[in-house]
Amino acid sequence: MSQPKILIIEDEPSLVEVLAYNLEAVGYEVLSAGDGEAGLEAARLHRPDLIVLDIMLPLMDGLEVCRQLRADERTRGIAILILTAKAEEVDEVVGFQMGADDYVIKPFKIGSLTQRIRALLRRTQHSGTDQEILAAHGLELDRWRHRSTLNGEELPLTVTEFRLLWALARQPGRAFTRHELLEAALGDSAVAQERTVDVHIKAIRQKLGRHAGLVETVRGVGYRFPEGPPALDQEETIP
């Protein structure tokens, strides 16, 4: 099996050096780029399995890099982990507009970052023993191709959004707690906060549009996928 490939887009050489050393030590192939434009070009050229992306970058900031990665079919499915120095930026970068899969707030411990990366990469691994396609209420999720459509129209879901929606849709009617959804999407709920689930669910609902009722809120519990036809134009407030 080939080594997972990680692209670091970061303009601090000392941080890149430390990250590369530690990631290579645990078996990853590491590439790097020192500005946003070079990072975007490297992502399109090398198609890494995961991108570690700083927000504050020269030439093109990380938010714009993230937008362009998600808008490009060649890079849409790449897992993105954001590095940010500001906790208040978290909802924006992990939310609908940016489409990042996870985040780490500076300063951070290398061990914590490595855990996050390992969890993100686990989400993208394919298991041939699992059901590959789910279809219900006009929604179709193809796990092998990582493709999602709603009434024939493509849904541009991130890796994490796809995994969350898959977990819900494969067991219609079951109410999942946020903790359970973290385990289903990440495989290890210890490396992310439960509030991250709410941010991703909000993003999924925005992309579902008038079919947002495909993800129902269960008050005091969490979320579920409906057994029967969902209500249209449902706009729920995340508790």
Protein backbone atom coordinates (compact mmCIF):
# COMPACT_ATOMS: atom_id res chain seq x y z
CA MET A 1 0.00 0.00 0.00
CA SER A 2 1.33 3.44 -0.90
CA GLN A 3 1.94 6.01 1.80
CA PRO A 4 -0.84 8.54 2.39
CA LYS A 5 0.21 11.86 0.88
CA ILE A 6 -0.14 15.06 2.92
CA LEU A 7 0.27 18.58 1.57
CA ILE A 8 1.20 21.29 4.09
CA ILE A 9 0.30 24.82 2.96
CA GLU A 10 2.05 27.03 5.51
CA ASP A 11 4.35 30.06 5.25
CA GLU A 12 6.32 29.51 8.47
CA PRO A 13 9.36 27.39 7.47
CA SER A 14 10.10 26.30 11.03
CA LEU A 15 6.55 24.99 11.51
CA VAL A 16 6.64 23.21 8.15
CA GLU A 17 9.92 21.56 9.12
CA VAL A 18 8.54 20.32 12.45
CA LEU A 19 5.29 19.08 10.89
CA ALA A 20 7.06 17.33 8.01
CA TYR A 21 9.55 15.63 10.33
CA ASN A 22 6.85 14.26 12.62
CA LEU A 23 4.45 13.22 9.86
CA GLU A 24 7.18 11.46 7.89
CA ALA A 25 8.23 9.69 11.09
CA VAL A 26 4.82 7.99 11.30
CA GLY A 27 4.78 6.96 7.66
CA TYR A 28 3.25 9.80 5.65
CA GLU A 29 4.63 11.27 2.44
CA VAL A 30 4.81 15.04 2.92
CA LEU A 31 4.74 17.86 0.37
CA SER A 32 4.72 21.56 1.20
CA ALA A 33 3.93 24.96 -0.28
CA GLY A 34 4.72 28.36 1.22
CA ASP A 35 1.84 30.46 -0.12
CA GLY A 36 -1.78 30.04 -1.13
CA GLU A 37 -1.29 30.12 -4.89
CA ALA A 38 1.53 27.56 -4.79
CA GLY A 39 -0.53 25.40 -2.46
CA LEU A 40 -3.52 25.42 -4.79
CA GLU A 41 -1.30 24.48 -7.73
CA ALA A 42 0.35 21.68 -5.72
CA ALA A 43 -3.03 20.28 -4.68
CA ARG A 44 -4.21 20.12 -8.29
CA LEU A 45 -0.95 18.59 -9.49
CA HIS A 46 -0.28 16.01 -6.76
CA ARG A 47 -3.83 15.19 -5.53
CA PRO A 48 -2.84 14.59 -1.88
CA ASP A 49 -4.97 12.54 0.49
CA LEU A 50 -5.10 15.39 2.99
CA ILE A 51 -4.17 19.07 3.15
CA VAL A 52 -3.01 20.90 6.27
CA LEU A 53 -3.93 24.50 5.47
CA ASP A 54 -3.08 27.65 7.41
CA ILE A 55 -5.53 30.55 7.17
CA MET A 56 -2.95 33.34 7.16
CA LEU A 57 -0.99 32.92 3.91
CA PRO A 58 0.68 35.27 1.41
CA LEU A 59 -0.69 35.78 -2.15
CA MET A 60 -3.94 33.94 -1.39
CA ASP A 61 -5.34 33.36 2.10
CA GLY A 62 -6.35 29.93 3.33
CA LEU A 63 -10.07 30.68 3.18
CA GLU A 64 -9.87 31.39 -0.56
CA VAL A 65 -7.67 28.34 -1.10
CA CYS A 66 -10.30 26.23 0.66
CA ARG A 67 -13.09 27.71 -1.46
CA GLN A 68 -11.25 26.99 -4.68
CA LEU A 69 -10.33 23.45 -3.63
CA ARG A 70 -13.98 22.67 -2.95
CA ALA A 71 -15.12 24.26 -6.21
CA ASP A 72 -12.73 22.16 -8.33
CA GLU A 73 -13.79 18.59 -9.21
CA ARG A 74 -10.14 17.50 -9.13
CA THR A 75 -9.69 18.50 -5.49
CA ARG A 76 -13.22 18.51 -4.06
CA GLY A 77 -12.83 15.19 -2.25
CA ILE A 78 -9.51 15.94 -0.55
CA ALA A 79 -9.72 16.12 3.24
CA ILE A 80 -8.79 19.57 4.58
CA LEU A 81 -7.56 20.35 8.09
CA ILE A 82 -7.35 24.05 8.90
CA LEU A 83 -4.78 25.67 11.18
CA THR A 84 -6.14 28.80 12.83
CA ALA A 85 -4.95 31.10 15.61
CA LYS A 86 -8.46 32.41 16.32
CA ALA A 87 -11.16 30.28 17.93
CA GLU A 88 -13.85 32.62 16.56
CA GLU A 89 -12.93 31.61 13.00
CA VAL A 90 -13.82 27.97 13.61
CA ASP A 91 -17.51 28.11 12.62
CA GLU A 92 -16.63 29.88 9.37
CA VAL A 93 -13.83 27.60 8.23
CA VAL A 94 -15.57 24.34 9.13
CA GLY A 95 -18.93 25.58 7.94
CA PHE A 96 -20.79 25.76 4.66
CA GLN A 97 -18.87 28.51 2.91
CA MET A 98 -15.38 27.13 3.50
CA GLY A 99 -15.98 23.39 3.55
CA ALA A 100 -13.04 22.36 5.74
CA ASP A 101 -13.31 18.97 7.44
CA ASP A 102 -11.61 19.75 10.73
CA TYR A 103 -9.48 22.36 12.45
CA VAL A 104 -6.70 22.80 14.99
CA ILE A 105 -6.21 26.01 16.96
CA LYS A 106 -2.67 27.30 17.38
CA PRO A 107 -0.67 26.64 19.45
CA PHE A 108 -1.18 22.89 19.31
CA LYS A 109 0.60 19.69 20.27
CA ILE A 110 2.03 17.62 17.43
CA GLY A 111 0.49 14.48 18.89
CA SER A 112 -2.97 16.04 18.79
CA LEU A 113 -2.53 17.13 15.18
CA THR A 114 -1.33 13.66 14.18
CA GLN A 115 -4.44 12.15 15.80
CA ARG A 116 -6.68 14.48 13.84
CA ILE A 117 -4.90 13.63 10.59
CA ARG A 118 -5.12 9.89 11.26
CA ALA A 119 -8.85 10.20 11.98
CA LEU A 120 -9.50 12.24 8.84
CA LEU A 121 -7.62 9.77 6.66
CA ARG A 122 -9.59 6.87 8.16
CA ARG A 123 -12.78 8.51 6.92
CA THR A 124 -11.59 8.37 3.33
CA GLN A 125 -10.53 4.71 3.38
CA HIS A 126 -12.79 2.35 1.48
CA SER A 127 -14.01 -0.95 2.92
CA GLY A 128 -15.25 -3.44 0.35
CA THR A 129 -17.36 -5.30 2.93
CA ASP A 130 -19.71 -2.36 3.55
CA GLN A 131 -22.83 -1.38 1.66
CA GLU A 132 -21.76 0.94 -1.15
CA ILE A 133 -24.88 2.87 -2.20
CA LEU A 134 -27.74 4.28 -0.13
CA ALA A 135 -30.84 5.75 -1.76
CA ALA A 136 -33.90 7.27 -0.08
CA HIS A 137 -36.21 10.26 -0.55
CA GLY A 138 -34.37 11.38 -3.70
CA LEU A 139 -30.99 11.28 -1.97
CA GLU A 140 -28.32 8.90 -3.27
CA LEU A 141 -24.97 8.35 -1.57
CA ASP A 142 -22.28 6.39 -3.41
CA ARG A 143 -19.60 5.48 -0.90
CA TRP A 144 -17.15 4.01 -3.41
CA ARG A 145 -17.10 7.11 -5.62
CA HIS A 146 -17.73 9.48 -2.70
CA ARG A 147 -20.55 10.97 -4.76
CA SER A 148 -23.83 12.36 -3.46
CA THR A 149 -26.87 13.48 -5.44
CA LEU A 150 -30.30 14.83 -4.58
CA ASN A 151 -32.99 14.31 -7.22
CA GLY A 152 -30.21 13.80 -9.76
CA GLU A 153 -28.34 16.99 -8.86
CA GLU A 154 -24.87 16.68 -7.34
CA LEU A 155 -24.38 17.71 -3.71
CA PRO A 156 -20.88 19.12 -3.07
CA LEU A 157 -20.38 17.48 0.33
CA THR A 158 -17.05 17.49 2.10
CA VAL A 159 -15.54 14.23 3.38
CA THR A 160 -16.93 14.78 6.87
CA GLU A 161 -20.36 15.89 5.67
CA PHE A 162 -20.62 12.78 3.50
CA ARG A 163 -19.69 10.50 6.39
CA LEU A 164 -22.20 12.13 8.73
CA LEU A 165 -25.03 11.93 6.21
CA TRP A 166 -24.09 8.33 5.39
CA ALA A 167 -24.23 7.36 9.07
CA LEU A 168 -27.70 8.90 9.43
CA ALA A 169 -29.13 7.60 6.15
CA ARG A 170 -28.07 3.99 6.65
CA GLN A 171 -30.31 3.75 9.75
CA PRO A 172 -33.49 5.76 9.04
CA GLY A 173 -35.49 6.65 12.11
CA ARG A 174 -32.66 6.10 14.57
CA ALA A 175 -31.79 9.10 16.74
CA PHE A 176 -28.01 9.55 16.95
CA THR A 177 -26.29 11.51 19.69
CA ARG A 178 -23.52 13.88 18.68
CA HIS A 179 -21.03 11.53 20.33
CA GLU A 180 -22.27 8.62 18.19
CA LEU A 181 -22.07 10.70 15.03
CA LEU A 182 -18.50 11.71 15.84
CA GLU A 183 -17.58 8.04 16.21
CA ALA A 184 -19.36 7.18 12.95
CA ALA A 185 -17.71 9.99 11.00
CA LEU A 186 -14.26 10.06 12.57
CA GLY A 187 -13.87 6.62 14.07
CA ASP A 188 -12.53 8.27 17.22
CA SER A 189 -14.72 10.78 19.03
CA ALA A 190 -11.91 11.81 21.32
CA VAL A 191 -10.16 13.96 18.72
CA ALA A 192 -12.97 16.42 18.00
CA GLN A 193 -15.53 18.43 19.93
CA GLU A 194 -19.23 17.58 19.76
CA ARG A 195 -20.06 21.15 18.68
CA THR A 196 -18.26 20.36 15.41
CA VAL A 197 -21.17 18.04 14.54
CA ASP A 198 -23.62 20.95 14.77
CA VAL A 199 -21.51 23.04 12.40
CA HIS A 200 -21.36 20.23 9.85
CA ILE A 201 -25.09 19.48 10.16
CA LYS A 202 -25.85 23.15 9.51
CA ALA A 203 -23.67 22.98 6.40
CA ILE A 204 -25.39 19.79 5.18
CA ARG A 205 -28.82 21.37 5.63
CA GLN A 206 -27.80 24.46 3.70
CA LYS A 207 -26.68 22.28 0.82
CA LEU A 208 -29.89 20.24 0.96
CA GLY A 209 -31.87 23.49 0.61
CA ARG A 210 -35.63 22.92 0.73
CA HIS A 211 -34.91 19.25 1.51
CA ALA A 212 -33.12 20.13 4.77
CA GLY A 213 -35.71 17.99 6.57
CA LEU A 214 -33.67 14.96 5.53
CA VAL A 215 -31.70 15.70 8.69
CA GLU A 216 -34.12 16.02 11.59
CA THR A 217 -33.31 17.40 15.03
CA VAL A 218 -34.30 15.16 17.93
CA ARG A 219 -34.55 17.50 20.89
CA GLY A 220 -32.35 16.49 23.79
CA VAL A 221 -30.71 13.71 21.78
CA GLY A 222 -29.21 14.73 18.45
CA TYR A 223 -30.19 14.00 14.84
CA ARG A 224 -31.88 11.40 12.65
CA PHE A 225 -32.71 10.60 9.03
CA PRO A 226 -36.49 10.28 8.52
CA GLU A 227 -38.15 6.92 7.83
CA GLY A 228 -41.01 8.53 5.92
CA PRO A 229 -41.04 11.43 3.43
CA PRO A 230 -39.46 14.52 5.04
CA ALA A 231 -41.13 17.90 5.27
CA LEU A 232 -39.98 20.41 2.66
CA ASP A 233 -38.63 23.87 3.44
CA GLN A 234 -37.82 22.75 6.97
CA GLU A 235 -35.62 25.23 8.79
CA GLU A 236 -34.62 24.06 12.22
CA THR A 237 -32.52 25.77 14.82
CA ILE A 238 -29.68 23.62 16.08
CA PRO A 239 -30.16 23.20 19.82
